């Protein structure tokens, strides 16, 4: 029986992270014909030809079927790695959002004020 993951594109990249299911994809699986396809993302070892900045990681995206071994060819792209803030940086940004909320209220922009206040509260929330 033919391997349903062999698309003639060579070996798959080495997977580093855990695959994460995202949204459901319309259509049927070309292998088992069920209707449960998902968009899946997983961190992979960067291929030699992938140009990426140092603060980016290689992420593979593909369509996969949880009912059988079928998966589409993977598209690999460079994705920024979220930077963790120090507590001092988080407090400084929270202060800035608090001040922005006060200024927004003063000019009558309650929507912006609430958005800035929520962001300040989120930054001050313990991790």
PDB file of N, CA and C in Angstrom:
ATOM      1  N   UNK A   1       0.852  -1.193   0.000  1.00  0.00           N
ATOM      2  CA  UNK A   1       0.000   0.000   0.000  1.00  0.00           C
ATOM      3  C   UNK A   1       0.892   1.249   0.000  1.00  0.00           C
ATOM      4  N   UNK A   2       0.517   2.214  -0.770  1.00  0.00           N
ATOM      5  CA  UNK A   2       1.272   3.466  -0.866  1.00  0.00           C
ATOM      6  C   UNK A   2       1.160   4.268   0.434  1.00  0.00           C
ATOM      7  N   UNK A   3       2.271   4.874   0.847  1.00  0.00           N
ATOM      8  CA  UNK A   3       2.275   5.713   2.041  1.00  0.00           C
ATOM      9  C   UNK A   3       1.479   6.985   1.748  1.00  0.00           C
ATOM     10  N   UNK A   4       0.392   7.255   2.497  1.00  0.00           N
ATOM     11  CA  UNK A   4      -0.438   8.436   2.200  1.00  0.00           C
ATOM     12  C   UNK A   4       0.256   9.763   2.505  1.00  0.00           C
ATOM     13  N   UNK A   5       1.421   9.743   3.162  1.00  0.00           N
ATOM     14  CA  UNK A   5       2.153  10.989   3.428  1.00  0.00           C
ATOM     15  C   UNK A   5       3.293  11.214   2.451  1.00  0.00           C
ATOM     16  N   UNK A   6       3.517  10.305   1.529  1.00  0.00           N
ATOM     17  CA  UNK A   6       4.610  10.436   0.580  1.00  0.00           C
ATOM     18  C   UNK A   6       4.132  11.230  -0.629  1.00  0.00           C
ATOM     19  N   UNK A   7       4.568  12.477  -0.716  1.00  0.00           N
ATOM     20  CA  UNK A   7       4.165  13.344  -1.825  1.00  0.00           C
ATOM     21  C   UNK A   7       5.301  13.529  -2.823  1.00  0.00           C
ATOM     22  N   UNK A   8       6.367  12.730  -2.673  1.00  0.00           N
ATOM     23  CA  UNK A   8       7.511  12.842  -3.570  1.00  0.00           C
ATOM     24  C   UNK A   8       8.355  14.070  -3.320  1.00  0.00           C
ATOM     25  N   UNK A   9       8.258  14.643  -2.127  1.00  0.00           N
ATOM     26  CA  UNK A   9       8.972  15.884  -1.824  1.00  0.00           C
ATOM     27  C   UNK A   9      10.177  15.662  -0.913  1.00  0.00           C
ATOM     28  N   UNK A  10      10.597  14.441  -0.718  1.00  0.00           N
ATOM     29  CA  UNK A  10      11.740  14.171   0.149  1.00  0.00           C
ATOM     30  C   UNK A  10      11.295  13.966   1.584  1.00  0.00           C
ATOM     31  N   UNK A  11      12.275  13.869   2.465  1.00  0.00           N
ATOM     32  CA  UNK A  11      11.980  13.617   3.869  1.00  0.00           C
ATOM     33  C   UNK A  11      11.306  14.814   4.527  1.00  0.00           C
ATOM     34  N   UNK A  12      10.485  14.513   5.507  1.00  0.00           N
ATOM     35  CA  UNK A  12       9.840  15.568   6.286  1.00  0.00           C
ATOM     36  C   UNK A  12      10.859  16.207   7.220  1.00  0.00           C
ATOM     37  N   UNK A  13      10.641  17.463   7.610  1.00  0.00           N
ATOM     38  CA  UNK A  13      11.559  18.085   8.565  1.00  0.00           C
ATOM     39  C   UNK A  13      11.400  17.456   9.940  1.00  0.00           C
ATOM     40  N   UNK A  14      12.423  17.614  10.768  1.00  0.00           N
ATOM     41  CA  UNK A  14      12.362  17.089  12.131  1.00  0.00           C
ATOM     42  C   UNK A  14      11.431  17.968  12.957  1.00  0.00           C
ATOM     43  N   UNK A  15      10.438  17.339  13.577  1.00  0.00           N
ATOM     44  CA  UNK A  15       9.464  18.065  14.403  1.00  0.00           C
ATOM     45  C   UNK A  15      10.080  18.315  15.775  1.00  0.00           C
ATOM     46  N   UNK A  16       9.987  19.578  16.254  1.00  0.00           N
ATOM     47  CA  UNK A  16      10.533  19.952  17.554  1.00  0.00           C
ATOM     48  C   UNK A  16       9.414  20.056  18.588  1.00  0.00           C
ATOM     49  N   UNK A  17       8.317  20.682  18.232  1.00  0.00           N
ATOM     50  CA  UNK A  17       7.229  20.933  19.166  1.00  0.00           C
ATOM     51  C   UNK A  17       6.101  19.934  19.039  1.00  0.00           C
ATOM     52  N   UNK A  18       5.032  20.225  19.757  1.00  0.00           N
ATOM     53  CA  UNK A  18       3.824  19.410  19.711  1.00  0.00           C
ATOM     54  C   UNK A  18       2.880  19.993  18.667  1.00  0.00           C
ATOM     55  N   UNK A  19       2.345  19.161  17.774  1.00  0.00           N
ATOM     56  CA  UNK A  19       1.385  19.692  16.790  1.00  0.00           C
ATOM     57  C   UNK A  19       0.163  20.283  17.489  1.00  0.00           C
ATOM     58  N   UNK A  20      -0.313  21.422  16.974  1.00  0.00           N
ATOM     59  CA  UNK A  20      -1.483  22.098  17.548  1.00  0.00           C
ATOM     60  C   UNK A  20      -2.570  22.195  16.486  1.00  0.00           C
ATOM     61  N   UNK A  21      -3.759  21.686  16.820  1.00  0.00           N
ATOM     62  CA  UNK A  21      -4.905  21.799  15.916  1.00  0.00           C
ATOM     63  C   UNK A  21      -5.408  23.229  15.930  1.00  0.00           C
ATOM     64  N   UNK A  22      -5.726  23.733  14.767  1.00  0.00           N
ATOM     65  CA  UNK A  22      -6.323  25.062  14.686  1.00  0.00           C
ATOM     66  C   UNK A  22      -7.740  24.898  14.156  1.00  0.00           C
ATOM     67  N   UNK A  23      -8.070  25.562  13.096  1.00  0.00           N
ATOM     68  CA  UNK A  23      -9.449  25.500  12.618  1.00  0.00           C
ATOM     69  C   UNK A  23      -9.701  24.278  11.746  1.00  0.00           C
ATOM     70  N   UNK A  24     -10.970  23.921  11.676  1.00  0.00           N
ATOM     71  CA  UNK A  24     -11.403  22.807  10.833  1.00  0.00           C
ATOM     72  C   UNK A  24     -11.419  23.271   9.377  1.00  0.00           C
ATOM     73  N   UNK A  25     -11.053  22.382   8.486  1.00  0.00           N
ATOM     74  CA  UNK A  25     -10.965  22.705   7.064  1.00  0.00           C
ATOM     75  C   UNK A  25     -12.108  22.010   6.336  1.00  0.00           C
ATOM     76  N   UNK A  26     -12.844  22.732   5.483  1.00  0.00           N
ATOM     77  CA  UNK A  26     -13.931  22.073   4.745  1.00  0.00           C
ATOM     78  C   UNK A  26     -13.358  21.090   3.723  1.00  0.00           C
ATOM     79  N   UNK A  27     -14.092  20.031   3.482  1.00  0.00           N
ATOM     80  CA  UNK A  27     -13.677  19.040   2.493  1.00  0.00           C
ATOM     81  C   UNK A  27     -13.491  17.669   3.113  1.00  0.00           C
ATOM     82  N   UNK A  28     -13.292  16.693   2.255  1.00  0.00           N
ATOM     83  CA  UNK A  28     -13.117  15.311   2.687  1.00  0.00           C
ATOM     84  C   UNK A  28     -11.652  14.905   2.579  1.00  0.00           C
ATOM     85  N   UNK A  29     -11.260  13.979   3.427  1.00  0.00           N
ATOM     86  CA  UNK A  29      -9.913  13.422   3.385  1.00  0.00           C
ATOM     87  C   UNK A  29      -9.757  12.633   2.085  1.00  0.00           C
ATOM     88  N   UNK A  30      -8.683  12.880   1.333  1.00  0.00           N
ATOM     89  CA  UNK A  30      -8.504  12.144   0.077  1.00  0.00           C
ATOM     90  C   UNK A  30      -8.125  10.677   0.294  1.00  0.00           C
ATOM     91  N   UNK A  31      -7.773  10.312   1.524  1.00  0.00           N
ATOM     92  CA  UNK A  31      -7.354   8.935   1.800  1.00  0.00           C
ATOM     93  C   UNK A  31      -8.501   8.085   2.348  1.00  0.00           C
ATOM     94  N   UNK A  32      -9.136   8.538   3.449  1.00  0.00           N
ATOM     95  CA  UNK A  32     -10.197   7.729   4.069  1.00  0.00           C
ATOM     96  C   UNK A  32     -11.598   8.294   3.804  1.00  0.00           C
ATOM     97  N   UNK A  33     -11.682   9.468   3.189  1.00  0.00           N
ATOM     98  CA  UNK A  33     -12.944  10.102   2.767  1.00  0.00           C
ATOM     99  C   UNK A  33     -13.831  10.561   3.931  1.00  0.00           C
ATOM    100  N   UNK A  34     -13.265  10.684   5.143  1.00  0.00           N
ATOM    101  CA  UNK A  34     -14.054  11.266   6.239  1.00  0.00           C
ATOM    102  C   UNK A  34     -14.067  12.784   6.066  1.00  0.00           C
ATOM    103  N   UNK A  35     -14.858  13.489   6.841  1.00  0.00           N
ATOM    104  CA  UNK A  35     -14.964  14.947   6.668  1.00  0.00           C
ATOM    105  C   UNK A  35     -14.371  15.712   7.851  1.00  0.00           C
ATOM    106  N   UNK A  36     -13.296  15.195   8.448  1.00  0.00           N
ATOM    107  CA  UNK A  36     -12.696  15.853   9.616  1.00  0.00           C
ATOM    108  C   UNK A  36     -11.246  16.231   9.344  1.00  0.00           C
ATOM    109  N   UNK A  37     -11.030  17.230   8.515  1.00  0.00           N
ATOM    110  CA  UNK A  37      -9.691  17.743   8.250  1.00  0.00           C
ATOM    111  C   UNK A  37      -9.446  18.985   9.091  1.00  0.00           C
ATOM    112  N   UNK A  38      -8.208  19.152   9.557  1.00  0.00           N
ATOM    113  CA  UNK A  38      -7.842  20.302  10.377  1.00  0.00           C
ATOM    114  C   UNK A  38      -6.575  20.944   9.847  1.00  0.00           C
ATOM    115  N   UNK A  39      -6.438  22.254  10.106  1.00  0.00           N
ATOM    116  CA  UNK A  39      -5.169  22.955   9.853  1.00  0.00           C
ATOM    117  C   UNK A  39      -4.326  22.727  11.095  1.00  0.00           C
ATOM    118  N   UNK A  40      -3.113  22.252  10.902  1.00  0.00           N
ATOM    119  CA  UNK A  40      -2.232  21.897  12.010  1.00  0.00           C
ATOM    120  C   UNK A  40      -0.938  22.688  11.877  1.00  0.00           C
ATOM    121  N   UNK A  41      -0.429  23.191  13.000  1.00  0.00           N
ATOM    122  CA  UNK A  41       0.857  23.881  13.021  1.00  0.00           C
ATOM    123  C   UNK A  41       1.768  23.184  14.008  1.00  0.00           C
ATOM    124  N   UNK A  42       3.063  23.102  13.656  1.00  0.00           N
ATOM    125  CA  UNK A  42       4.037  22.460  14.527  1.00  0.00           C
ATOM    126  C   UNK A  42       5.397  23.135  14.314  1.00  0.00           C
ATOM    127  N   UNK A  43       6.152  23.300  15.398  1.00  0.00           N
ATOM    128  CA  UNK A  43       7.494  23.854  15.255  1.00  0.00           C
ATOM    129  C   UNK A  43       8.411  22.765  14.720  1.00  0.00           C
ATOM    130  N   UNK A  44       9.222  23.123  13.731  1.00  0.00           N
ATOM    131  CA  UNK A  44      10.130  22.162  13.102  1.00  0.00           C
ATOM    132  C   UNK A  44      11.553  22.698  13.106  1.00  0.00           C
ATOM    133  N   UNK A  45      12.498  21.788  12.902  1.00  0.00           N
ATOM    134  CA  UNK A  45      13.887  22.204  12.749  1.00  0.00           C
ATOM    135  C   UNK A  45      13.986  22.957  11.421  1.00  0.00           C
ATOM    136  N   UNK A  46      14.580  24.151  11.432  1.00  0.00           N
ATOM    137  CA  UNK A  46      14.583  24.942  10.192  1.00  0.00           C
ATOM    138  C   UNK A  46      15.386  24.257   9.081  1.00  0.00           C
ATOM    139  N   UNK A  47      14.804  24.142   7.893  1.00  0.00           N
ATOM    140  CA  UNK A  47      15.566  23.602   6.775  1.00  0.00           C
ATOM    141  C   UNK A  47      16.694  24.561   6.403  1.00  0.00           C
ATOM    142  N   UNK A  48      17.768  24.055   5.797  1.00  0.00           N
ATOM    143  CA  UNK A  48      18.926  24.908   5.496  1.00  0.00           C
ATOM    144  C   UNK A  48      18.615  26.118   4.607  1.00  0.00           C
ATOM    145  N   UNK A  49      17.619  26.012   3.743  1.00  0.00           N
ATOM    146  CA  UNK A  49      17.343  27.117   2.816  1.00  0.00           C
ATOM    147  C   UNK A  49      16.323  28.128   3.342  1.00  0.00           C
ATOM    148  N   UNK A  50      15.797  27.912   4.553  1.00  0.00           N
ATOM    149  CA  UNK A  50      14.828  28.861   5.101  1.00  0.00           C
ATOM    150  C   UNK A  50      15.562  30.067   5.661  1.00  0.00           C
ATOM    151  N   UNK A  51      15.339  31.224   5.045  1.00  0.00           N
ATOM    152  CA  UNK A  51      15.959  32.469   5.538  1.00  0.00           C
ATOM    153  C   UNK A  51      15.069  33.018   6.638  1.00  0.00           C
ATOM    154  N   UNK A  52      15.654  33.257   7.817  1.00  0.00           N
ATOM    155  CA  UNK A  52      14.863  33.758   8.933  1.00  0.00           C
ATOM    156  C   UNK A  52      15.741  34.568   9.865  1.00  0.00           C
ATOM    157  N   UNK A  53      15.186  35.615  10.490  1.00  0.00           N
ATOM    158  CA  UNK A  53      15.932  36.361  11.498  1.00  0.00           C
ATOM    159  C   UNK A  53      16.178  35.477  12.719  1.00  0.00           C
ATOM    160  N   UNK A  54      17.140  35.850  13.530  1.00  0.00           N
ATOM    161  CA  UNK A  54      17.515  35.057  14.708  1.00  0.00           C
ATOM    162  C   UNK A  54      16.376  34.930  15.712  1.00  0.00           C
ATOM    163  N   UNK A  55      15.484  35.924  15.772  1.00  0.00           N
ATOM    164  CA  UNK A  55      14.394  35.880  16.757  1.00  0.00           C
ATOM    165  C   UNK A  55      13.126  35.248  16.182  1.00  0.00           C
ATOM    166  N   UNK A  56      13.258  34.433  15.142  1.00  0.00           N
ATOM    167  CA  UNK A  56      12.133  33.729  14.525  1.00  0.00           C
ATOM    168  C   UNK A  56      12.351  32.222  14.628  1.00  0.00           C
ATOM    169  N   UNK A  57      11.257  31.485  14.648  1.00  0.00           N
ATOM    170  CA  UNK A  57      11.343  30.024  14.645  1.00  0.00           C
ATOM    171  C   UNK A  57      10.691  29.498  13.370  1.00  0.00           C
ATOM    172  N   UNK A  58      11.010  28.257  13.020  1.00  0.00           N
ATOM    173  CA  UNK A  58      10.425  27.636  11.829  1.00  0.00           C
ATOM    174  C   UNK A  58       9.154  26.905  12.239  1.00  0.00           C
ATOM    175  N   UNK A  59       8.051  27.225  11.569  1.00  0.00           N
ATOM    176  CA  UNK A  59       6.768  26.597  11.869  1.00  0.00           C
ATOM    177  C   UNK A  59       6.224  25.973  10.590  1.00  0.00           C
ATOM    178  N   UNK A  60       5.848  24.693  10.710  1.00  0.00           N
ATOM    179  CA  UNK A  60       5.251  23.989   9.580  1.00  0.00           C
ATOM    180  C   UNK A  60       3.737  23.999   9.705  1.00  0.00           C
ATOM    181  N   UNK A  61       3.059  24.282   8.618  1.00  0.00           N
ATOM    182  CA  UNK A  61       1.593  24.275   8.589  1.00  0.00           C
ATOM    183  C   UNK A  61       1.149  23.269   7.542  1.00  0.00           C
ATOM    184  N   UNK A  62       0.204  22.435   7.912  1.00  0.00           N
ATOM    185  CA  UNK A  62      -0.314  21.451   6.969  1.00  0.00           C
ATOM    186  C   UNK A  62      -1.750  21.111   7.321  1.00  0.00           C
ATOM    187  N   UNK A  63      -2.412  20.404   6.411  1.00  0.00           N
ATOM    188  CA  UNK A  63      -3.768  19.914   6.630  1.00  0.00           C
ATOM    189  C   UNK A  63      -3.629  18.439   6.979  1.00  0.00           C
ATOM    190  N   UNK A  64      -4.294  18.012   8.029  1.00  0.00           N
ATOM    191  CA  UNK A  64      -4.179  16.626   8.440  1.00  0.00           C
ATOM    192  C   UNK A  64      -5.517  16.027   8.813  1.00  0.00           C
ATOM    193  N   UNK A  65      -5.566  14.696   8.745  1.00  0.00           N
ATOM    194  CA  UNK A  65      -6.766  13.936   9.086  1.00  0.00           C
ATOM    195  C   UNK A  65      -6.489  13.163  10.372  1.00  0.00           C
ATOM    196  N   UNK A  66      -7.286  13.366  11.432  1.00  0.00           N
ATOM    197  CA  UNK A  66      -7.040  12.636  12.676  1.00  0.00           C
ATOM    198  C   UNK A  66      -7.478  11.175  12.609  1.00  0.00           C
ATOM    199  N   UNK A  67      -8.252  10.804  11.603  1.00  0.00           N
ATOM    200  CA  UNK A  67      -8.776   9.437  11.513  1.00  0.00           C
ATOM    201  C   UNK A  67      -7.836   8.484  10.773  1.00  0.00           C
ATOM    202  N   UNK A  68      -6.862   9.010  10.046  1.00  0.00           N
ATOM    203  CA  UNK A  68      -5.950   8.152   9.282  1.00  0.00           C
ATOM    204  C   UNK A  68      -4.588   8.845   9.203  1.00  0.00           C
ATOM    205  N   UNK A  69      -3.596   8.230   8.576  1.00  0.00           N
ATOM    206  CA  UNK A  69      -2.265   8.855   8.541  1.00  0.00           C
ATOM    207  C   UNK A  69      -2.080   9.923   7.468  1.00  0.00           C
ATOM    208  N   UNK A  70      -3.149  10.307   6.724  1.00  0.00           N
ATOM    209  CA  UNK A  70      -2.964  11.260   5.633  1.00  0.00           C
ATOM    210  C   UNK A  70      -2.636  12.652   6.160  1.00  0.00           C
ATOM    211  N   UNK A  71      -1.719  13.339   5.478  1.00  0.00           N
ATOM    212  CA  UNK A  71      -1.424  14.749   5.728  1.00  0.00           C
ATOM    213  C   UNK A  71      -0.984  15.379   4.414  1.00  0.00           C
ATOM    214  N   UNK A  72      -1.300  16.656   4.243  1.00  0.00           N
ATOM    215  CA  UNK A  72      -0.902  17.367   3.024  1.00  0.00           C
ATOM    216  C   UNK A  72       0.591  17.694   3.111  1.00  0.00           C
ATOM    217  N   UNK A  73       1.189  18.131   2.012  1.00  0.00           N
ATOM    218  CA  UNK A  73       2.562  18.635   2.113  1.00  0.00           C
ATOM    219  C   UNK A  73       2.608  19.814   3.091  1.00  0.00           C
ATOM    220  N   UNK A  74       3.718  19.956   3.801  1.00  0.00           N
ATOM    221  CA  UNK A  74       3.871  20.997   4.814  1.00  0.00           C
ATOM    222  C   UNK A  74       4.462  22.262   4.195  1.00  0.00           C
ATOM    223  N   UNK A  75       3.910  23.404   4.589  1.00  0.00           N
ATOM    224  CA  UNK A  75       4.481  24.689   4.223  1.00  0.00           C
ATOM    225  C   UNK A  75       5.228  25.200   5.449  1.00  0.00           C
ATOM    226  N   UNK A  76       6.508  25.517   5.304  1.00  0.00           N
ATOM    227  CA  UNK A  76       7.318  25.970   6.432  1.00  0.00           C
ATOM    228  C   UNK A  76       7.560  27.463   6.287  1.00  0.00           C
ATOM    229  N   UNK A  77       7.349  28.193   7.384  1.00  0.00           N
ATOM    230  CA  UNK A  77       7.578  29.635   7.361  1.00  0.00           C
ATOM    231  C   UNK A  77       8.278  30.061   8.646  1.00  0.00           C
ATOM    232  N   UNK A  78       8.862  31.244   8.620  1.00  0.00           N
ATOM    233  CA  UNK A  78       9.521  31.821   9.791  1.00  0.00           C
ATOM    234  C   UNK A  78       8.508  32.665  10.555  1.00  0.00           C
ATOM    235  N   UNK A  79       8.398  32.405  11.861  1.00  0.00           N
ATOM    236  CA  UNK A  79       7.414  33.079  12.705  1.00  0.00           C
ATOM    237  C   UNK A  79       8.146  33.727  13.878  1.00  0.00           C
ATOM    238  N   UNK A  80       7.829  34.990  14.214  1.00  0.00           N
ATOM    239  CA  UNK A  80       8.509  35.632  15.337  1.00  0.00           C
ATOM    240  C   UNK A  80       8.260  34.899  16.656  1.00  0.00           C
ATOM    241  N   UNK A  81       9.293  34.815  17.477  1.00  0.00           N
ATOM    242  CA  UNK A  81       9.167  34.235  18.815  1.00  0.00           C
ATOM    243  C   UNK A  81       8.730  35.353  19.748  1.00  0.00           C
ATOM    244  N   UNK A  82       7.619  35.165  20.487  1.00  0.00           N
ATOM    245  CA  UNK A  82       7.176  36.230  21.396  1.00  0.00           C
ATOM    246  C   UNK A  82       8.240  36.516  22.463  1.00  0.00           C
ATOM    247  N   UNK A  83       8.521  37.784  22.661  1.00  0.00           N
ATOM    248  CA  UNK A  83       9.534  38.193  23.643  1.00  0.00           C
ATOM    249  C   UNK A  83       8.888  38.283  25.024  1.00  0.00           C
ATOM    250  N   UNK A  84       9.541  37.684  26.003  1.00  0.00           N
ATOM    251  CA  UNK A  84       9.045  37.786  27.374  1.00  0.00           C
ATOM    252  C   UNK A  84       9.559  39.080  27.980  1.00  0.00           C
ATOM    253  N   UNK A  85       8.647  39.820  28.606  1.00  0.00           N
ATOM    254  CA  UNK A  85       9.018  41.079  29.248  1.00  0.00           C
ATOM    255  C   UNK A  85       9.512  40.816  30.657  1.00  0.00           C
ATOM    256  N   UNK A  86      10.445  41.641  31.085  1.00  0.00           N
ATOM    257  CA  UNK A  86      10.854  41.595  32.484  1.00  0.00           C
ATOM    258  C   UNK A  86       9.728  42.241  33.290  1.00  0.00           C
ATOM    259  N   UNK A  87       9.649  41.966  34.605  1.00  0.00           N
ATOM    260  CA  UNK A  87       8.614  42.619  35.415  1.00  0.00           C
ATOM    261  C   UNK A  87       8.672  44.142  35.335  1.00  0.00           C
ATOM    262  N   UNK A  88       9.886  44.699  35.232  1.00  0.00           N
ATOM    263  CA  UNK A  88      10.029  46.158  35.139  1.00  0.00           C
ATOM    264  C   UNK A  88       9.460  46.681  33.818  1.00  0.00           C
ATOM    265  N   UNK A  89       9.735  45.957  32.720  1.00  0.00           N
ATOM    266  CA  UNK A  89       9.196  46.361  31.416  1.00  0.00           C
ATOM    267  C   UNK A  89       7.668  46.263  31.408  1.00  0.00           C
ATOM    268  N   UNK A  90       7.146  45.204  32.012  1.00  0.00           N
ATOM    269  CA  UNK A  90       5.695  45.029  32.070  1.00  0.00           C
ATOM    270  C   UNK A  90       5.048  46.148  32.879  1.00  0.00           C
ATOM    271  N   UNK A  91       5.652  46.519  33.994  1.00  0.00           N
ATOM    272  CA  UNK A  91       5.095  47.595  34.819  1.00  0.00           C
ATOM    273  C   UNK A  91       5.154  48.932  34.086  1.00  0.00           C
ATOM    274  N   UNK A  92       6.248  49.193  33.371  1.00  0.00           N
ATOM    275  CA  UNK A  92       6.373  50.448  32.613  1.00  0.00           C
ATOM    276  C   UNK A  92       5.300  50.505  31.517  1.00  0.00           C
ATOM    277  N   UNK A  93       5.070  49.389  30.824  1.00  0.00           N
ATOM    278  CA  UNK A  93       4.044  49.385  29.783  1.00  0.00           C
ATOM    279  C   UNK A  93       2.650  49.504  30.388  1.00  0.00           C
ATOM    280  N   UNK A  94       2.430  48.863  31.544  1.00  0.00           N
ATOM    281  CA  UNK A  94       1.135  48.969  32.229  1.00  0.00           C
ATOM    282  C   UNK A  94       0.875  50.419  32.649  1.00  0.00           C
ATOM    283  N   UNK A  95       1.912  51.101  33.152  1.00  0.00           N
ATOM    284  CA  UNK A  95       1.773  52.523  33.527  1.00  0.00           C
ATOM    285  C   UNK A  95       1.394  53.359  32.309  1.00  0.00           C
ATOM    286  N   UNK A  96       2.054  53.071  31.156  1.00  0.00           N
ATOM    287  CA  UNK A  96       1.756  53.817  29.933  1.00  0.00           C
ATOM    288  C   UNK A  96       0.292  53.606  29.532  1.00  0.00           C
ATOM    289  N   UNK A  97      -0.199  52.357  29.610  1.00  0.00           N
ATOM    290  CA  UNK A  97      -1.595  52.087  29.244  1.00  0.00           C
ATOM    291  C   UNK A  97      -2.565  52.745  30.227  1.00  0.00           C
ATOM    292  N   UNK A  98      -2.210  52.790  31.500  1.00  0.00           N
ATOM    293  CA  UNK A  98      -3.069  53.463  32.491  1.00  0.00           C
ATOM    294  C   UNK A  98      -3.189  54.945  32.181  1.00  0.00           C
ATOM    295  N   UNK A  99      -2.053  55.571  31.843  1.00  0.00           N
ATOM    296  CA  UNK A  99      -2.065  56.993  31.491  1.00  0.00           C
ATOM    297  C   UNK A  99      -2.859  57.218  30.201  1.00  0.00           C
ATOM    298  N   UNK A 100      -2.711  56.313  29.233  1.00  0.00           N
ATOM    299  CA  UNK A 100      -3.460  56.431  27.974  1.00  0.00           C
ATOM    300  C   UNK A 100      -4.960  56.287  28.232  1.00  0.00           C
ATOM    301  N   UNK A 101      -5.339  55.410  29.173  1.00  0.00           N
ATOM    302  CA  UNK A 101      -6.759  55.254  29.522  1.00  0.00           C
ATOM    303  C   UNK A 101      -7.300  56.539  30.138  1.00  0.00           C
ATOM    304  N   UNK A 102      -6.526  57.179  31.013  1.00  0.00           N
ATOM    305  CA  UNK A 102      -6.945  58.436  31.643  1.00  0.00           C
ATOM    306  C   UNK A 102      -7.132  59.529  30.590  1.00  0.00           C
ATOM    307  N   UNK A 103      -6.186  59.630  29.654  1.00  0.00           N
ATOM    308  CA  UNK A 103      -6.281  60.643  28.597  1.00  0.00           C
ATOM    309  C   UNK A 103      -7.482  60.376  27.683  1.00  0.00           C
ATOM    310  N   UNK A 104      -7.733  59.089  27.374  1.00  0.00           N
ATOM    311  CA  UNK A 104      -8.869  58.745  26.511  1.00  0.00           C
ATOM    312  C   UNK A 104     -10.189  59.112  27.183  1.00  0.00           C
ATOM    313  N   UNK A 105     -10.295  58.864  28.507  1.00  0.00           N
ATOM    314  CA  UNK A 105     -11.521  59.239  29.245  1.00  0.00           C
ATOM    315  C   UNK A 105     -11.709  60.754  29.238  1.00  0.00           C
ATOM    316  N   UNK A 106     -10.608  61.489  29.377  1.00  0.00           N
ATOM    317  CA  UNK A 106     -10.676  62.948  29.405  1.00  0.00           C
ATOM    318  C   UNK A 106     -11.198  63.512  28.088  1.00  0.00           C
ATOM    319  N   UNK A 107     -10.901  62.847  26.987  1.00  0.00           N
ATOM    320  CA  UNK A 107     -11.402  63.334  25.691  1.00  0.00           C
ATOM    321  C   UNK A 107     -12.714  62.663  25.290  1.00  0.00           C
ATOM    322  N   UNK A 108     -13.286  61.818  26.191  1.00  0.00           N
ATOM    323  CA  UNK A 108     -14.585  61.211  25.946  1.00  0.00           C
ATOM    324  C   UNK A 108     -14.557  59.935  25.122  1.00  0.00           C
ATOM    325  N   UNK A 109     -13.400  59.335  24.965  1.00  0.00           N
ATOM    326  CA  UNK A 109     -13.262  58.103  24.179  1.00  0.00           C
ATOM    327  C   UNK A 109     -13.257  56.908  25.133  1.00  0.00           C
ATOM    328  N   UNK A 110     -14.449  56.478  25.537  1.00  0.00           N
ATOM    329  CA  UNK A 110     -14.578  55.420  26.536  1.00  0.00           C
ATOM    330  C   UNK A 110     -14.114  54.053  26.009  1.00  0.00           C
ATOM    331  N   UNK A 111     -14.288  53.798  24.723  1.00  0.00           N
ATOM    332  CA  UNK A 111     -13.871  52.513  24.150  1.00  0.00           C
ATOM    333  C   UNK A 111     -12.351  52.355  24.263  1.00  0.00           C
ATOM    334  N   UNK A 112     -11.613  53.379  23.841  1.00  0.00           N
ATOM    335  CA  UNK A 112     -10.151  53.330  23.952  1.00  0.00           C
ATOM    336  C   UNK A 112      -9.719  53.260  25.409  1.00  0.00           C
ATOM    337  N   UNK A 113     -10.419  53.986  26.274  1.00  0.00           N
ATOM    338  CA  UNK A 113     -10.087  53.977  27.699  1.00  0.00           C
ATOM    339  C   UNK A 113     -10.218  52.569  28.265  1.00  0.00           C
ATOM    340  N   UNK A 114     -11.287  51.878  27.912  1.00  0.00           N
ATOM    341  CA  UNK A 114     -11.484  50.514  28.414  1.00  0.00           C
ATOM    342  C   UNK A 114     -10.441  49.557  27.850  1.00  0.00           C
ATOM    343  N   UNK A 115     -10.077  49.717  26.573  1.00  0.00           N
ATOM    344  CA  UNK A 115      -9.060  48.853  25.975  1.00  0.00           C
ATOM    345  C   UNK A 115      -7.713  49.041  26.670  1.00  0.00           C
ATOM    346  N   UNK A 116      -7.328  50.309  26.912  1.00  0.00           N
ATOM    347  CA  UNK A 116      -6.054  50.581  27.591  1.00  0.00           C
ATOM    348  C   UNK A 116      -6.082  50.088  29.040  1.00  0.00           C
ATOM    349  N   UNK A 117      -7.196  50.262  29.728  1.00  0.00           N
ATOM    350  CA  UNK A 117      -7.304  49.800  31.115  1.00  0.00           C
ATOM    351  C   UNK A 117      -7.214  48.271  31.178  1.00  0.00           C
ATOM    352  N   UNK A 118      -7.840  47.590  30.225  1.00  0.00           N
ATOM    353  CA  UNK A 118      -7.783  46.121  30.199  1.00  0.00           C
ATOM    354  C   UNK A 118      -6.363  45.640  29.930  1.00  0.00           C
ATOM    355  N   UNK A 119      -5.654  46.309  29.024  1.00  0.00           N
ATOM    356  CA  UNK A 119      -4.273  45.929  28.719  1.00  0.00           C
ATOM    357  C   UNK A 119      -3.378  46.168  29.932  1.00  0.00           C
ATOM    358  N   UNK A 120      -3.595  47.273  30.650  1.00  0.00           N
ATOM    359  CA  UNK A 120      -2.813  47.551  31.862  1.00  0.00           C
ATOM    360  C   UNK A 120      -3.061  46.481  32.917  1.00  0.00           C
ATOM    361  N   UNK A 121      -4.323  46.076  33.086  1.00  0.00           N
ATOM    362  CA  UNK A 121      -4.654  45.038  34.070  1.00  0.00           C
ATOM    363  C   UNK A 121      -4.024  43.697  33.660  1.00  0.00           C
ATOM    364  N   UNK A 122      -4.043  43.404  32.373  1.00  0.00           N
ATOM    365  CA  UNK A 122      -3.449  42.152  31.894  1.00  0.00           C
ATOM    366  C   UNK A 122      -1.936  42.136  32.161  1.00  0.00           C
ATOM    367  N   UNK A 123      -1.273  43.252  31.946  1.00  0.00           N
ATOM    368  CA  UNK A 123       0.173  43.326  32.171  1.00  0.00           C
ATOM    369  C   UNK A 123       0.523  43.225  33.653  1.00  0.00           C
ATOM    370  N   UNK A 124      -0.364  43.681  34.515  1.00  0.00           N
ATOM    371  CA  UNK A 124      -0.085  43.638  35.951  1.00  0.00           C
ATOM    372  C   UNK A 124      -0.498  42.315  36.603  1.00  0.00           C
ATOM    373  N   UNK A 125      -1.230  41.480  35.841  1.00  0.00           N
ATOM    374  CA  UNK A 125      -1.673  40.201  36.366  1.00  0.00           C
ATOM    375  C   UNK A 125      -0.451  39.291  36.565  1.00  0.00           C
ATOM    376  N   UNK A 126      -0.364  38.617  37.725  1.00  0.00           N
ATOM    377  CA  UNK A 126       0.781  37.738  37.938  1.00  0.00           C
ATOM    378  C   UNK A 126       0.787  36.590  36.923  1.00  0.00           C
ATOM    379  N   UNK A 127       1.975  36.195  36.513  1.00  0.00           N
ATOM    380  CA  UNK A 127       2.108  35.131  35.481  1.00  0.00           C
ATOM    381  C   UNK A 127       1.761  33.762  36.011  1.00  0.00           C
TER     382      UNK A 127
END
